[in-house]
Amino acid sequence: MLTIKRMEGSDGPAVRMVNNVEAVCRALESAGVEFIPENGGGARVRLRKK
């Protein structure tokens, strides 16, 4: 949980924590979260349809 708090508290992208960010993204994706790229309205996430 401390890693997440550090990522959330960083100003801008968590550049020095690339491995941690990638690990969190992989864990969320394996749990069914889908990352949607920015398309003018901002980046988003949603649950993947079953």
PDB file of N, CA and C in Angstrom:
ATOM      1  N   MET A   1       0.821  -1.193   0.000  1.00  0.00           N
ATOM      2  CA  MET A   1       0.000   0.000   0.000  1.00  0.00           C
ATOM      3  C   MET A   1       0.869   1.262   0.000  1.00  0.00           C
ATOM      4  N   LEU A   2       1.999   1.192   0.622  1.00  0.00           N
ATOM      5  CA  LEU A   2       2.891   2.345   0.666  1.00  0.00           C
ATOM      6  C   LEU A   2       3.356   2.733  -0.734  1.00  0.00           C
ATOM      7  N   THR A   3       3.609   1.740  -1.582  1.00  0.00           N
ATOM      8  CA  THR A   3       4.021   2.021  -2.958  1.00  0.00           C
ATOM      9  C   THR A   3       2.944   2.801  -3.693  1.00  0.00           C
ATOM     10  N   ILE A   4       1.688   2.419  -3.521  1.00  0.00           N
ATOM     11  CA  ILE A   4       0.580   3.115  -4.175  1.00  0.00           C
ATOM     12  C   ILE A   4       0.496   4.553  -3.678  1.00  0.00           C
ATOM     13  N   LYS A   5       0.638   4.758  -2.383  1.00  0.00           N
ATOM     14  CA  LYS A   5       0.581   6.115  -1.827  1.00  0.00           C
ATOM     15  C   LYS A   5       1.697   6.973  -2.390  1.00  0.00           C
ATOM     16  N   ARG A   6       2.884   6.407  -2.545  1.00  0.00           N
ATOM     17  CA  ARG A   6       3.989   7.168  -3.131  1.00  0.00           C
ATOM     18  C   ARG A   6       3.689   7.546  -4.578  1.00  0.00           C
ATOM     19  N   MET A   7       3.136   6.601  -5.345  1.00  0.00           N
ATOM     20  CA  MET A   7       2.807   6.889  -6.740  1.00  0.00           C
ATOM     21  C   MET A   7       1.751   7.986  -6.822  1.00  0.00           C
ATOM     22  N   GLU A   8       0.732   7.899  -5.977  1.00  0.00           N
ATOM     23  CA  GLU A   8      -0.332   8.900  -5.992  1.00  0.00           C
ATOM     24  C   GLU A   8       0.174  10.265  -5.555  1.00  0.00           C
ATOM     25  N   GLY A   9       1.145  10.294  -4.658  1.00  0.00           N
ATOM     26  CA  GLY A   9       1.655  11.554  -4.123  1.00  0.00           C
ATOM     27  C   GLY A   9       2.721  12.211  -4.972  1.00  0.00           C
ATOM     28  N   SER A  10       3.193  11.530  -6.007  1.00  0.00           N
ATOM     29  CA  SER A  10       4.253  12.112  -6.829  1.00  0.00           C
ATOM     30  C   SER A  10       3.683  13.201  -7.732  1.00  0.00           C
ATOM     31  N   ASP A  11       4.495  14.223  -7.975  1.00  0.00           N
ATOM     32  CA  ASP A  11       4.110  15.281  -8.914  1.00  0.00           C
ATOM     33  C   ASP A  11       4.406  14.792 -10.325  1.00  0.00           C
ATOM     34  N   GLY A  12       3.391  14.651 -11.132  1.00  0.00           N
ATOM     35  CA  GLY A  12       3.578  14.173 -12.488  1.00  0.00           C
ATOM     36  C   GLY A  12       3.728  12.667 -12.529  1.00  0.00           C
ATOM     37  N   PRO A  13       4.231  12.148 -13.657  1.00  0.00           N
ATOM     38  CA  PRO A  13       4.404  10.700 -13.799  1.00  0.00           C
ATOM     39  C   PRO A  13       5.404  10.144 -12.782  1.00  0.00           C
ATOM     40  N   ALA A  14       5.172   8.938 -12.346  1.00  0.00           N
ATOM     41  CA  ALA A  14       6.060   8.281 -11.372  1.00  0.00           C
ATOM     42  C   ALA A  14       7.263   7.705 -12.106  1.00  0.00           C
ATOM     43  N   VAL A  15       8.144   8.573 -12.570  1.00  0.00           N
ATOM     44  CA  VAL A  15       9.252   8.187 -13.444  1.00  0.00           C
ATOM     45  C   VAL A  15      10.240   7.248 -12.764  1.00  0.00           C
ATOM     46  N   ARG A  16      10.581   7.513 -11.520  1.00  0.00           N
ATOM     47  CA  ARG A  16      11.580   6.676 -10.842  1.00  0.00           C
ATOM     48  C   ARG A  16      11.004   5.369 -10.344  1.00  0.00           C
ATOM     49  N   MET A  17       9.716   5.162 -10.526  1.00  0.00           N
ATOM     50  CA  MET A  17       9.062   3.955 -10.030  1.00  0.00           C
ATOM     51  C   MET A  17       8.491   3.126 -11.171  1.00  0.00           C
ATOM     52  N   VAL A  18       9.152   3.127 -12.303  1.00  0.00           N
ATOM     53  CA  VAL A  18       8.619   2.471 -13.504  1.00  0.00           C
ATOM     54  C   VAL A  18       8.296   1.003 -13.248  1.00  0.00           C
ATOM     55  N   ASN A  19       9.200   0.273 -12.610  1.00  0.00           N
ATOM     56  CA  ASN A  19       8.944  -1.158 -12.350  1.00  0.00           C
ATOM     57  C   ASN A  19       7.714  -1.353 -11.481  1.00  0.00           C
ATOM     58  N   ASN A  20       7.555  -0.486 -10.470  1.00  0.00           N
ATOM     59  CA  ASN A  20       6.392  -0.595  -9.587  1.00  0.00           C
ATOM     60  C   ASN A  20       5.103  -0.272 -10.327  1.00  0.00           C
ATOM     61  N   VAL A  21       5.128   0.770 -11.143  1.00  0.00           N
ATOM     62  CA  VAL A  21       3.943   1.158 -11.910  1.00  0.00           C
ATOM     63  C   VAL A  21       3.546   0.028 -12.858  1.00  0.00           C
ATOM     64  N   GLU A  22       4.522  -0.552 -13.544  1.00  0.00           N
ATOM     65  CA  GLU A  22       4.238  -1.660 -14.457  1.00  0.00           C
ATOM     66  C   GLU A  22       3.657  -2.857 -13.717  1.00  0.00           C
ATOM     67  N   ALA A  23       4.181  -3.154 -12.529  1.00  0.00           N
ATOM     68  CA  ALA A  23       3.681  -4.282 -11.739  1.00  0.00           C
ATOM     69  C   ALA A  23       2.242  -4.044 -11.298  1.00  0.00           C
ATOM     70  N   VAL A  24       1.929  -2.831 -10.884  1.00  0.00           N
ATOM     71  CA  VAL A  24       0.560  -2.509 -10.470  1.00  0.00           C
ATOM     72  C   VAL A  24      -0.383  -2.600 -11.666  1.00  0.00           C
ATOM     73  N   CYS A  25       0.046  -2.087 -12.819  1.00  0.00           N
ATOM     74  CA  CYS A  25      -0.787  -2.167 -14.028  1.00  0.00           C
ATOM     75  C   CYS A  25      -1.061  -3.618 -14.414  1.00  0.00           C
ATOM     76  N   ARG A  26      -0.036  -4.458 -14.367  1.00  0.00           N
ATOM     77  CA  ARG A  26      -0.221  -5.886 -14.696  1.00  0.00           C
ATOM     78  C   ARG A  26      -1.196  -6.541 -13.723  1.00  0.00           C
ATOM     79  N   ALA A  27      -1.079  -6.222 -12.439  1.00  0.00           N
ATOM     80  CA  ALA A  27      -1.975  -6.807 -11.439  1.00  0.00           C
ATOM     81  C   ALA A  27      -3.422  -6.367 -11.682  1.00  0.00           C
ATOM     82  N   LEU A  28      -3.606  -5.091 -11.993  1.00  0.00           N
ATOM     83  CA  LEU A  28      -4.960  -4.597 -12.263  1.00  0.00           C
ATOM     84  C   LEU A  28      -5.527  -5.228 -13.531  1.00  0.00           C
ATOM     85  N   GLU A  29      -4.706  -5.346 -14.567  1.00  0.00           N
ATOM     86  CA  GLU A  29      -5.171  -5.964 -15.812  1.00  0.00           C
ATOM     87  C   GLU A  29      -5.546  -7.427 -15.596  1.00  0.00           C
ATOM     88  N   SER A  30      -4.771  -8.139 -14.796  1.00  0.00           N
ATOM     89  CA  SER A  30      -5.104  -9.547 -14.542  1.00  0.00           C
ATOM     90  C   SER A  30      -6.363  -9.679 -13.694  1.00  0.00           C
ATOM     91  N   ALA A  31      -6.738  -8.608 -12.988  1.00  0.00           N
ATOM     92  CA  ALA A  31      -7.962  -8.613 -12.191  1.00  0.00           C
ATOM     93  C   ALA A  31      -9.169  -8.135 -12.997  1.00  0.00           C
ATOM     94  N   GLY A  32      -8.952  -7.791 -14.287  1.00  0.00           N
ATOM     95  CA  GLY A  32     -10.072  -7.433 -15.141  1.00  0.00           C
ATOM     96  C   GLY A  32     -10.194  -5.957 -15.469  1.00  0.00           C
ATOM     97  N   VAL A  33      -9.209  -5.144 -15.102  1.00  0.00           N
ATOM     98  CA  VAL A  33      -9.248  -3.720 -15.424  1.00  0.00           C
ATOM     99  C   VAL A  33      -8.658  -3.510 -16.803  1.00  0.00           C
ATOM    100  N   GLU A  34      -9.312  -2.690 -17.601  1.00  0.00           N
ATOM    101  CA  GLU A  34      -8.846  -2.379 -18.947  1.00  0.00           C
ATOM    102  C   GLU A  34      -8.475  -0.898 -18.991  1.00  0.00           C
ATOM    103  N   PHE A  35      -7.256  -0.590 -19.409  1.00  0.00           N
ATOM    104  CA  PHE A  35      -6.801   0.789 -19.538  1.00  0.00           C
ATOM    105  C   PHE A  35      -7.151   1.294 -20.928  1.00  0.00           C
ATOM    106  N   ILE A  36      -7.799   2.454 -20.994  1.00  0.00           N
ATOM    107  CA  ILE A  36      -8.228   3.036 -22.256  1.00  0.00           C
ATOM    108  C   ILE A  36      -7.343   4.248 -22.523  1.00  0.00           C
ATOM    109  N   PRO A  37      -6.666   4.296 -23.668  1.00  0.00           N
ATOM    110  CA  PRO A  37      -5.781   5.415 -23.955  1.00  0.00           C
ATOM    111  C   PRO A  37      -6.548   6.737 -24.076  1.00  0.00           C
ATOM    112  N   GLU A  38      -5.822   7.816 -23.869  1.00  0.00           N
ATOM    113  CA  GLU A  38      -6.416   9.143 -23.984  1.00  0.00           C
ATOM    114  C   GLU A  38      -6.872   9.373 -25.422  1.00  0.00           C
ATOM    115  N   ASN A  39      -8.071   9.899 -25.567  1.00  0.00           N
ATOM    116  CA  ASN A  39      -8.610  10.175 -26.899  1.00  0.00           C
ATOM    117  C   ASN A  39      -9.235  11.562 -26.944  1.00  0.00           C
ATOM    118  N   GLY A  40      -8.595  12.513 -26.296  1.00  0.00           N
ATOM    119  CA  GLY A  40      -9.119  13.864 -26.256  1.00  0.00           C
ATOM    120  C   GLY A  40      -9.940  14.131 -25.011  1.00  0.00           C
ATOM    121  N   GLY A  41     -10.441  13.085 -24.381  1.00  0.00           N
ATOM    122  CA  GLY A  41     -11.242  13.245 -23.166  1.00  0.00           C
ATOM    123  C   GLY A  41     -10.510  12.783 -21.933  1.00  0.00           C
ATOM    124  N   GLY A  42      -9.250  12.422 -22.072  1.00  0.00           N
ATOM    125  CA  GLY A  42      -8.475  11.943 -20.941  1.00  0.00           C
ATOM    126  C   GLY A  42      -8.428  10.424 -20.908  1.00  0.00           C
ATOM    127  N   ALA A  43      -7.388   9.909 -20.314  1.00  0.00           N
ATOM    128  CA  ALA A  43      -7.240   8.455 -20.168  1.00  0.00           C
ATOM    129  C   ALA A  43      -8.291   7.939 -19.185  1.00  0.00           C
ATOM    130  N   ARG A  44      -8.698   6.704 -19.365  1.00  0.00           N
ATOM    131  CA  ARG A  44      -9.750   6.114 -18.531  1.00  0.00           C
ATOM    132  C   ARG A  44      -9.420   4.657 -18.223  1.00  0.00           C
ATOM    133  N   VAL A  45     -10.199   4.086 -17.306  1.00  0.00           N
ATOM    134  CA  VAL A  45     -10.149   2.654 -17.029  1.00  0.00           C
ATOM    135  C   VAL A  45     -11.580   2.138 -16.948  1.00  0.00           C
ATOM    136  N   ARG A  46     -11.744   0.850 -17.195  1.00  0.00           N
ATOM    137  CA  ARG A  46     -13.054   0.210 -17.047  1.00  0.00           C
ATOM    138  C   ARG A  46     -12.816  -1.258 -16.782  1.00  0.00           C
ATOM    139  N   LEU A  47     -13.856  -1.928 -16.289  1.00  0.00           N
ATOM    140  CA  LEU A  47     -13.774  -3.366 -16.102  1.00  0.00           C
ATOM    141  C   LEU A  47     -14.003  -4.042 -17.441  1.00  0.00           C
ATOM    142  N   ARG A  48     -13.181  -5.021 -17.734  1.00  0.00           N
ATOM    143  CA  ARG A  48     -13.289  -5.773 -18.986  1.00  0.00           C
ATOM    144  C   ARG A  48     -14.567  -6.599 -18.967  1.00  0.00           C
ATOM    145  N   LYS A  49     -15.249  -6.653 -20.099  1.00  0.00           N
ATOM    146  CA  LYS A  49     -16.459  -7.460 -20.202  1.00  0.00           C
ATOM    147  C   LYS A  49     -16.079  -8.929 -20.187  1.00  0.00           C
ATOM    148  N   LYS A  50     -16.901  -9.746 -19.551  1.00  0.00           N
ATOM    149  CA  LYS A  50     -16.633 -11.181 -19.460  1.00  0.00           C
ATOM    150  C   LYS A  50     -17.044 -11.893 -20.703  1.00  0.00           C
TER     151      LYS A  50
END
